[in-house]
């Protein structure tokens, strides 16, 4: 009886069903996509350094001398420390920034004059394995690199715009002074001692700031919450219209 009643106004009821499904689909998609980004970010950052040390000059991030590694030497709780080299390069062809990271030891297809690219970046530049590409540096010099590896699709969340090079190529391309790094990454043996290690670093290196992995996770969480909230606010009109429409239909039912 119910199906026959609905069939008498088939087009109208089918339209209502499509509208209801579309509203639920939009809300569920926003929440599912945001939750997926949160989970992927947590998985990616699970193996990131517990503490990052950056040198501050006039309130801004500056290069950190290699001597700071010696000043950290002997700090209890620190299991491993290394200076990192990374930066941003604006590609005039793509009209967007790329992240350039020095790969320690030249592993994974990276070597002198050989780089590794994210799959998205390689596709946008039209590159494949063993292709050559020239990048003009900020000083006007041209550097030629050969693609030694294309990073796997599974790492696209962080490698879409990533370029891996050797330390020597990185310093030559960006004209980094020898003995300086972008920041220092520390690995702490006991996760419960991270805050104590950060406090000791602040006392030993007063011109530096420490960034904890949990703070990075909270930052990503805030960004995703903020963007999810903006989309949901934009959908408030559709949600309100849906509620009014459903209430109107429920209050206007016929005797049947």
C-alpha atoms as a PDB file:
ATOM      1  CA  UNK A   1       0.000   0.000   0.000  1.00  0.00           C
ATOM      2  CA  UNK A   2       2.827   2.354   0.878  1.00  0.00           C
ATOM      3  CA  UNK A   3       4.674   1.642  -2.370  1.00  0.00           C
ATOM      4  CA  UNK A   4       1.542   2.132  -4.443  1.00  0.00           C
ATOM      5  CA  UNK A   5       0.856   5.450  -2.672  1.00  0.00           C
ATOM      6  CA  UNK A   6       4.388   6.619  -3.411  1.00  0.00           C
ATOM      7  CA  UNK A   7       4.119   5.437  -6.993  1.00  0.00           C
ATOM      8  CA  UNK A   8       1.120   7.670  -7.649  1.00  0.00           C
ATOM      9  CA  UNK A   9       3.479  10.642  -7.224  1.00  0.00           C
ATOM     10  CA  UNK A  10       6.585   8.868  -8.444  1.00  0.00           C
ATOM     11  CA  UNK A  11       8.495  11.827  -9.889  1.00  0.00           C
ATOM     12  CA  UNK A  12       7.780  14.020  -6.884  1.00  0.00           C
ATOM     13  CA  UNK A  13       8.760  11.390  -4.325  1.00  0.00           C
ATOM     14  CA  UNK A  14      11.872  10.442  -6.292  1.00  0.00           C
ATOM     15  CA  UNK A  15      12.903  14.115  -6.304  1.00  0.00           C
ATOM     16  CA  UNK A  16      12.406  14.334  -2.549  1.00  0.00           C
ATOM     17  CA  UNK A  17      14.488  11.201  -2.036  1.00  0.00           C
ATOM     18  CA  UNK A  18      17.272  12.653  -4.218  1.00  0.00           C
ATOM     19  CA  UNK A  19      17.246  15.919  -2.236  1.00  0.00           C
ATOM     20  CA  UNK A  20      17.397  14.096   1.109  1.00  0.00           C
ATOM     21  CA  UNK A  21      20.217  11.860  -0.140  1.00  0.00           C
ATOM     22  CA  UNK A  22      22.160  14.837  -1.507  1.00  0.00           C
ATOM     23  CA  UNK A  23      22.020  16.751   1.803  1.00  0.00           C
ATOM     24  CA  UNK A  24      23.135  13.714   3.794  1.00  0.00           C
ATOM     25  CA  UNK A  25      25.818  12.975   1.206  1.00  0.00           C
ATOM     26  CA  UNK A  26      27.286  16.493   1.465  1.00  0.00           C
ATOM     27  CA  UNK A  27      27.445  16.484   5.254  1.00  0.00           C
ATOM     28  CA  UNK A  28      28.813  12.950   5.476  1.00  0.00           C
ATOM     29  CA  UNK A  29      31.427  13.639   2.784  1.00  0.00           C
ATOM     30  CA  UNK A  30      32.793  16.708   4.582  1.00  0.00           C
ATOM     31  CA  UNK A  31      33.065  14.858   7.892  1.00  0.00           C
ATOM     32  CA  UNK A  32      34.526  11.698   6.312  1.00  0.00           C
ATOM     33  CA  UNK A  33      37.090  13.616   4.266  1.00  0.00           C
ATOM     34  CA  UNK A  34      38.208  15.700   7.247  1.00  0.00           C
ATOM     35  CA  UNK A  35      38.527  12.628   9.443  1.00  0.00           C
ATOM     36  CA  UNK A  36      40.554  10.906   6.720  1.00  0.00           C
ATOM     37  CA  UNK A  37      42.975  13.844   6.576  1.00  0.00           C
ATOM     38  CA  UNK A  38      43.337  13.785  10.362  1.00  0.00           C
ATOM     39  CA  UNK A  39      44.140  10.072  10.339  1.00  0.00           C
ATOM     40  CA  UNK A  40      46.602  10.336   7.449  1.00  0.00           C
ATOM     41  CA  UNK A  41      48.359  13.271   9.119  1.00  0.00           C
ATOM     42  CA  UNK A  42      48.671  11.297  12.352  1.00  0.00           C
ATOM     43  CA  UNK A  43      50.120   8.298  10.470  1.00  0.00           C
ATOM     44  CA  UNK A  44      52.588  10.482   8.557  1.00  0.00           C
ATOM     45  CA  UNK A  45      53.781  12.306  11.684  1.00  0.00           C
ATOM     46  CA  UNK A  46      54.022   9.134  13.782  1.00  0.00           C
ATOM     47  CA  UNK A  47      57.694   8.696  12.824  1.00  0.00           C
ATOM     48  CA  UNK A  48      58.600  12.395  12.768  1.00  0.00           C
ATOM     49  CA  UNK A  49      61.159  13.780  15.278  1.00  0.00           C
ATOM     50  CA  UNK A  50      59.848  14.303  18.800  1.00  0.00           C
ATOM     51  CA  UNK A  51      61.595  17.698  19.050  1.00  0.00           C
ATOM     52  CA  UNK A  52      62.680  20.222  16.410  1.00  0.00           C
ATOM     53  CA  UNK A  53      65.079  23.022  17.350  1.00  0.00           C
ATOM     54  CA  UNK A  54      65.018  26.261  15.355  1.00  0.00           C
ATOM     55  CA  UNK A  55      67.240  29.297  15.848  1.00  0.00           C
ATOM     56  CA  UNK A  56      65.430  32.622  16.131  1.00  0.00           C
ATOM     57  CA  UNK A  57      66.815  36.009  15.092  1.00  0.00           C
ATOM     58  CA  UNK A  58      64.619  39.093  15.638  1.00  0.00           C
ATOM     59  CA  UNK A  59      61.656  36.803  16.150  1.00  0.00           C
ATOM     60  CA  UNK A  60      62.091  34.955  12.842  1.00  0.00           C
ATOM     61  CA  UNK A  61      63.404  31.517  11.894  1.00  0.00           C
ATOM     62  CA  UNK A  62      67.081  31.670  10.867  1.00  0.00           C
ATOM     63  CA  UNK A  63      69.840  29.219   9.926  1.00  0.00           C
ATOM     64  CA  UNK A  64      71.249  27.277  12.855  1.00  0.00           C
ATOM     65  CA  UNK A  65      75.022  26.696  13.186  1.00  0.00           C
ATOM     66  CA  UNK A  66      76.382  23.178  13.356  1.00  0.00           C
ATOM     67  CA  UNK A  67      78.035  24.090  16.671  1.00  0.00           C
ATOM     68  CA  UNK A  68      74.581  23.826  18.262  1.00  0.00           C
ATOM     69  CA  UNK A  69      74.809  20.067  17.747  1.00  0.00           C
ATOM     70  CA  UNK A  70      77.867  20.078  19.995  1.00  0.00           C
ATOM     71  CA  UNK A  71      76.042  22.166  22.598  1.00  0.00           C
ATOM     72  CA  UNK A  72      73.253  19.580  22.652  1.00  0.00           C
ATOM     73  CA  UNK A  73      75.826  16.804  23.080  1.00  0.00           C
ATOM     74  CA  UNK A  74      75.446  15.027  26.401  1.00  0.00           C
ATOM     75  CA  UNK A  75      71.881  16.197  27.032  1.00  0.00           C
ATOM     76  CA  UNK A  76      70.194  13.370  28.915  1.00  0.00           C
ATOM     77  CA  UNK A  77      67.242  11.812  27.173  1.00  0.00           C
ATOM     78  CA  UNK A  78      68.329  12.659  23.620  1.00  0.00           C
ATOM     79  CA  UNK A  79      68.832   9.473  21.645  1.00  0.00           C
ATOM     80  CA  UNK A  80      69.641  10.919  18.220  1.00  0.00           C
ATOM     81  CA  UNK A  81      70.240  14.354  16.734  1.00  0.00           C
ATOM     82  CA  UNK A  82      70.834  15.559  13.195  1.00  0.00           C
ATOM     83  CA  UNK A  83      70.897  18.812  11.272  1.00  0.00           C
ATOM     84  CA  UNK A  84      68.300  19.060   8.533  1.00  0.00           C
ATOM     85  CA  UNK A  85      68.416  20.953   5.255  1.00  0.00           C
ATOM     86  CA  UNK A  86      65.146  21.909   3.609  1.00  0.00           C
ATOM     87  CA  UNK A  87      63.591  24.905   1.904  1.00  0.00           C
ATOM     88  CA  UNK A  88      61.085  26.133  -0.650  1.00  0.00           C
ATOM     89  CA  UNK A  89      61.660  26.739  -4.341  1.00  0.00           C
ATOM     90  CA  UNK A  90      59.232  28.645  -6.545  1.00  0.00           C
ATOM     91  CA  UNK A  91      58.915  26.888  -9.895  1.00  0.00           C
ATOM     92  CA  UNK A  92      58.169  29.430 -12.663  1.00  0.00           C
ATOM     93  CA  UNK A  93      56.669  26.674 -14.851  1.00  0.00           C
ATOM     94  CA  UNK A  94      54.149  25.518 -12.261  1.00  0.00           C
ATOM     95  CA  UNK A  95      53.823  28.939 -10.624  1.00  0.00           C
ATOM     96  CA  UNK A  96      53.842  27.253  -7.224  1.00  0.00           C
ATOM     97  CA  UNK A  97      56.277  26.370  -4.442  1.00  0.00           C
ATOM     98  CA  UNK A  98      58.087  23.052  -4.215  1.00  0.00           C
ATOM     99  CA  UNK A  99      59.608  21.644  -1.034  1.00  0.00           C
ATOM    100  CA  UNK A 100      63.290  20.762  -1.448  1.00  0.00           C
ATOM    101  CA  UNK A 101      64.769  18.389   1.135  1.00  0.00           C
ATOM    102  CA  UNK A 102      68.328  17.113   1.444  1.00  0.00           C
ATOM    103  CA  UNK A 103      68.329  13.331   1.654  1.00  0.00           C
ATOM    104  CA  UNK A 104      70.958  12.096   4.133  1.00  0.00           C
ATOM    105  CA  UNK A 105      73.462   9.774   2.534  1.00  0.00           C
ATOM    106  CA  UNK A 106      71.979  10.083  -0.946  1.00  0.00           C
ATOM    107  CA  UNK A 107      69.666   7.093  -0.514  1.00  0.00           C
ATOM    108  CA  UNK A 108      66.676   6.003  -2.582  1.00  0.00           C
ATOM    109  CA  UNK A 109      67.871   6.941  -6.073  1.00  0.00           C
ATOM    110  CA  UNK A 110      69.285  10.280  -4.898  1.00  0.00           C
ATOM    111  CA  UNK A 111      72.891  11.047  -5.775  1.00  0.00           C
ATOM    112  CA  UNK A 112      75.107  13.797  -7.193  1.00  0.00           C
ATOM    113  CA  UNK A 113      72.980  15.427  -9.873  1.00  0.00           C
ATOM    114  CA  UNK A 114      70.163  12.914  -9.328  1.00  0.00           C
ATOM    115  CA  UNK A 115      66.898  13.772  -7.577  1.00  0.00           C
ATOM    116  CA  UNK A 116      63.711  12.081  -6.439  1.00  0.00           C
ATOM    117  CA  UNK A 117      60.306  13.627  -7.134  1.00  0.00           C
ATOM    118  CA  UNK A 118      56.787  13.178  -5.867  1.00  0.00           C
ATOM    119  CA  UNK A 119      54.466  11.537  -8.364  1.00  0.00           C
ATOM    120  CA  UNK A 120      52.203  14.589  -8.697  1.00  0.00           C
ATOM    121  CA  UNK A 121      55.149  16.926  -9.274  1.00  0.00           C
ATOM    122  CA  UNK A 122      56.682  14.577 -11.839  1.00  0.00           C
ATOM    123  CA  UNK A 123      53.346  14.359 -13.675  1.00  0.00           C
ATOM    124  CA  UNK A 124      52.884  18.138 -13.715  1.00  0.00           C
ATOM    125  CA  UNK A 125      56.410  18.635 -15.054  1.00  0.00           C
ATOM    126  CA  UNK A 126      56.013  15.806 -17.587  1.00  0.00           C
ATOM    127  CA  UNK A 127      58.969  13.864 -16.184  1.00  0.00           C
ATOM    128  CA  UNK A 128      59.709  10.156 -15.936  1.00  0.00           C
ATOM    129  CA  UNK A 129      62.695   8.129 -14.749  1.00  0.00           C
ATOM    130  CA  UNK A 130      66.096   9.231 -16.113  1.00  0.00           C
ATOM    131  CA  UNK A 131      64.666  12.422 -17.636  1.00  0.00           C
ATOM    132  CA  UNK A 132      66.667  15.624 -17.173  1.00  0.00           C
ATOM    133  CA  UNK A 133      65.338  18.974 -15.989  1.00  0.00           C
ATOM    134  CA  UNK A 134      66.954  22.360 -15.422  1.00  0.00           C
ATOM    135  CA  UNK A 135      66.109  24.559 -12.432  1.00  0.00           C
ATOM    136  CA  UNK A 136      67.280  28.192 -12.266  1.00  0.00           C
ATOM    137  CA  UNK A 137      68.489  29.018  -8.756  1.00  0.00           C
ATOM    138  CA  UNK A 138      67.695  32.250  -6.948  1.00  0.00           C
ATOM    139  CA  UNK A 139      71.150  33.532  -7.894  1.00  0.00           C
ATOM    140  CA  UNK A 140      70.420  33.026 -11.610  1.00  0.00           C
ATOM    141  CA  UNK A 141      72.558  29.899 -12.128  1.00  0.00           C
ATOM    142  CA  UNK A 142      71.126  26.914 -14.002  1.00  0.00           C
ATOM    143  CA  UNK A 143      71.329  23.469 -12.421  1.00  0.00           C
ATOM    144  CA  UNK A 144      70.626  20.286 -14.357  1.00  0.00           C
ATOM    145  CA  UNK A 145      69.253  17.259 -12.503  1.00  0.00           C
ATOM    146  CA  UNK A 146      68.322  13.764 -13.613  1.00  0.00           C
ATOM    147  CA  UNK A 147      65.275  12.016 -12.169  1.00  0.00           C
ATOM    148  CA  UNK A 148      66.608   9.015 -10.258  1.00  0.00           C
ATOM    149  CA  UNK A 149      63.373   8.025  -8.560  1.00  0.00           C
ATOM    150  CA  UNK A 150      59.665   8.862  -8.467  1.00  0.00           C
ATOM    151  CA  UNK A 151      58.260   8.553  -4.968  1.00  0.00           C
ATOM    152  CA  UNK A 152      55.406   6.045  -4.469  1.00  0.00           C
ATOM    153  CA  UNK A 153      51.759   7.033  -4.629  1.00  0.00           C
ATOM    154  CA  UNK A 154      51.251   6.011  -0.980  1.00  0.00           C
ATOM    155  CA  UNK A 155      53.332   9.000   0.144  1.00  0.00           C
ATOM    156  CA  UNK A 156      51.427  11.589  -1.918  1.00  0.00           C
ATOM    157  CA  UNK A 157      50.053  13.390   1.138  1.00  0.00           C
ATOM    158  CA  UNK A 158      53.532  14.716   1.942  1.00  0.00           C
ATOM    159  CA  UNK A 159      55.472  14.091  -1.290  1.00  0.00           C
ATOM    160  CA  UNK A 160      53.170  15.672  -3.883  1.00  0.00           C
ATOM    161  CA  UNK A 161      55.435  18.758  -4.130  1.00  0.00           C
ATOM    162  CA  UNK A 162      58.619  17.192  -2.730  1.00  0.00           C
ATOM    163  CA  UNK A 163      62.083  17.162  -4.329  1.00  0.00           C
ATOM    164  CA  UNK A 164      64.847  15.101  -2.679  1.00  0.00           C
ATOM    165  CA  UNK A 165      68.475  16.038  -3.387  1.00  0.00           C
ATOM    166  CA  UNK A 166      71.878  15.363  -1.862  1.00  0.00           C
ATOM    167  CA  UNK A 167      73.311  17.680   0.771  1.00  0.00           C
ATOM    168  CA  UNK A 168      76.008  18.900  -1.636  1.00  0.00           C
ATOM    169  CA  UNK A 169      73.474  19.740  -4.362  1.00  0.00           C
ATOM    170  CA  UNK A 170      71.217  21.447  -1.824  1.00  0.00           C
ATOM    171  CA  UNK A 171      74.001  23.690  -0.508  1.00  0.00           C
ATOM    172  CA  UNK A 172      75.149  24.547  -4.035  1.00  0.00           C
ATOM    173  CA  UNK A 173      71.632  25.267  -5.311  1.00  0.00           C
ATOM    174  CA  UNK A 174      70.552  27.478  -2.389  1.00  0.00           C
ATOM    175  CA  UNK A 175      74.117  28.726  -1.673  1.00  0.00           C
ATOM    176  CA  UNK A 176      73.870  27.557   1.927  1.00  0.00           C
ATOM    177  CA  UNK A 177      76.965  28.441   3.967  1.00  0.00           C
ATOM    178  CA  UNK A 178      78.911  25.376   5.121  1.00  0.00           C
ATOM    179  CA  UNK A 179      78.298  24.261   8.675  1.00  0.00           C
ATOM    180  CA  UNK A 180      74.760  25.689   8.834  1.00  0.00           C
ATOM    181  CA  UNK A 181      71.432  23.865   8.814  1.00  0.00           C
ATOM    182  CA  UNK A 182      67.762  24.783   8.513  1.00  0.00           C
ATOM    183  CA  UNK A 183      66.955  23.201  11.871  1.00  0.00           C
ATOM    184  CA  UNK A 184      67.929  20.325  14.161  1.00  0.00           C
ATOM    185  CA  UNK A 185      65.791  17.233  14.687  1.00  0.00           C
ATOM    186  CA  UNK A 186      66.017  15.343  17.968  1.00  0.00           C
ATOM    187  CA  UNK A 187      64.793  11.879  18.877  1.00  0.00           C
ATOM    188  CA  UNK A 188      63.967  11.336  22.554  1.00  0.00           C
ATOM    189  CA  UNK A 189      64.393   7.898  24.095  1.00  0.00           C
ATOM    190  CA  UNK A 190      61.505   8.190  26.562  1.00  0.00           C
ATOM    191  CA  UNK A 191      58.347   9.883  25.173  1.00  0.00           C
ATOM    192  CA  UNK A 192      57.376  10.958  28.672  1.00  0.00           C
ATOM    193  CA  UNK A 193      60.575  13.027  28.936  1.00  0.00           C
ATOM    194  CA  UNK A 194      59.912  15.150  25.833  1.00  0.00           C
ATOM    195  CA  UNK A 195      58.791  18.200  27.824  1.00  0.00           C
ATOM    196  CA  UNK A 196      61.785  17.909  30.178  1.00  0.00           C
ATOM    197  CA  UNK A 197      64.168  17.742  27.212  1.00  0.00           C
ATOM    198  CA  UNK A 198      62.470  20.781  25.652  1.00  0.00           C
ATOM    199  CA  UNK A 199      62.863  22.725  28.919  1.00  0.00           C
ATOM    200  CA  UNK A 200      66.576  21.831  29.103  1.00  0.00           C
ATOM    201  CA  UNK A 201      67.040  22.904  25.480  1.00  0.00           C
ATOM    202  CA  UNK A 202      65.385  26.254  26.187  1.00  0.00           C
ATOM    203  CA  UNK A 203      67.834  26.841  29.049  1.00  0.00           C
ATOM    204  CA  UNK A 204      70.871  25.670  27.088  1.00  0.00           C
ATOM    205  CA  UNK A 205      69.947  27.440  23.803  1.00  0.00           C
ATOM    206  CA  UNK A 206      68.097  30.629  24.809  1.00  0.00           C
ATOM    207  CA  UNK A 207      68.040  32.011  21.246  1.00  0.00           C
ATOM    208  CA  UNK A 208      66.220  28.941  19.932  1.00  0.00           C
ATOM    209  CA  UNK A 209      62.708  27.582  20.064  1.00  0.00           C
ATOM    210  CA  UNK A 210      61.598  23.983  20.347  1.00  0.00           C
ATOM    211  CA  UNK A 211      58.688  22.509  18.414  1.00  0.00           C
ATOM    212  CA  UNK A 212      57.242  19.273  19.761  1.00  0.00           C
ATOM    213  CA  UNK A 213      55.618  16.632  17.603  1.00  0.00           C
ATOM    214  CA  UNK A 214      52.423  16.831  19.652  1.00  0.00           C
ATOM    215  CA  UNK A 215      52.280  20.573  18.949  1.00  0.00           C
ATOM    216  CA  UNK A 216      52.504  19.884  15.206  1.00  0.00           C
ATOM    217  CA  UNK A 217      49.682  17.361  15.527  1.00  0.00           C
ATOM    218  CA  UNK A 218      47.560  19.902  17.398  1.00  0.00           C
ATOM    219  CA  UNK A 219      48.243  22.464  14.676  1.00  0.00           C
ATOM    220  CA  UNK A 220      47.068  20.083  11.958  1.00  0.00           C
ATOM    221  CA  UNK A 221      44.025  19.224  14.073  1.00  0.00           C
ATOM    222  CA  UNK A 222      43.151  22.910  14.411  1.00  0.00           C
ATOM    223  CA  UNK A 223      43.583  23.509  10.678  1.00  0.00           C
ATOM    224  CA  UNK A 224      41.330  20.600   9.756  1.00  0.00           C
ATOM    225  CA  UNK A 225      38.721  21.603  12.332  1.00  0.00           C
ATOM    226  CA  UNK A 226      38.775  25.173  11.042  1.00  0.00           C
ATOM    227  CA  UNK A 227      38.324  24.170   7.406  1.00  0.00           C
ATOM    228  CA  UNK A 228      35.658  21.629   8.254  1.00  0.00           C
ATOM    229  CA  UNK A 229      33.814  24.295  10.239  1.00  0.00           C
ATOM    230  CA  UNK A 230      33.917  26.736   7.309  1.00  0.00           C
ATOM    231  CA  UNK A 231      32.380  24.176   4.948  1.00  0.00           C
ATOM    232  CA  UNK A 232      29.713  23.222   7.480  1.00  0.00           C
ATOM    233  CA  UNK A 233      28.856  26.897   8.029  1.00  0.00           C
ATOM    234  CA  UNK A 234      28.481  27.335   4.279  1.00  0.00           C
ATOM    235  CA  UNK A 235      26.152  24.329   4.260  1.00  0.00           C
ATOM    236  CA  UNK A 236      24.042  25.697   7.130  1.00  0.00           C
ATOM    237  CA  UNK A 237      21.665  27.269   4.633  1.00  0.00           C
ATOM    238  CA  UNK A 238      21.116  23.929   2.929  1.00  0.00           C
ATOM    239  CA  UNK A 239      20.680  22.195   6.300  1.00  0.00           C
ATOM    240  CA  UNK A 240      18.156  24.787   7.459  1.00  0.00           C
ATOM    241  CA  UNK A 241      16.235  24.579   4.178  1.00  0.00           C
ATOM    242  CA  UNK A 242      16.235  20.792   4.483  1.00  0.00           C
ATOM    243  CA  UNK A 243      14.855  20.953   8.034  1.00  0.00           C
ATOM    244  CA  UNK A 244      12.110  23.421   7.069  1.00  0.00           C
ATOM    245  CA  UNK A 245      11.207  21.373   4.015  1.00  0.00           C
ATOM    246  CA  UNK A 246      11.015  18.133   5.998  1.00  0.00           C
ATOM    247  CA  UNK A 247       8.891  19.792   8.693  1.00  0.00           C
ATOM    248  CA  UNK A 248       6.568  21.234   6.058  1.00  0.00           C
ATOM    249  CA  UNK A 249       6.127  17.871   4.393  1.00  0.00           C
ATOM    250  CA  UNK A 250       5.536  16.109   7.712  1.00  0.00           C
ATOM    251  CA  UNK A 251       2.872  18.624   8.790  1.00  0.00           C
ATOM    252  CA  UNK A 252       1.104  18.510   5.424  1.00  0.00           C
ATOM    253  CA  UNK A 253       0.489  14.764   5.184  1.00  0.00           C
ATOM    254  CA  UNK A 254      -2.815  13.684   3.687  1.00  0.00           C
ATOM    255  CA  UNK A 255      -5.249  11.349   5.401  1.00  0.00           C
ATOM    256  CA  UNK A 256      -3.830   8.430   3.405  1.00  0.00           C
END
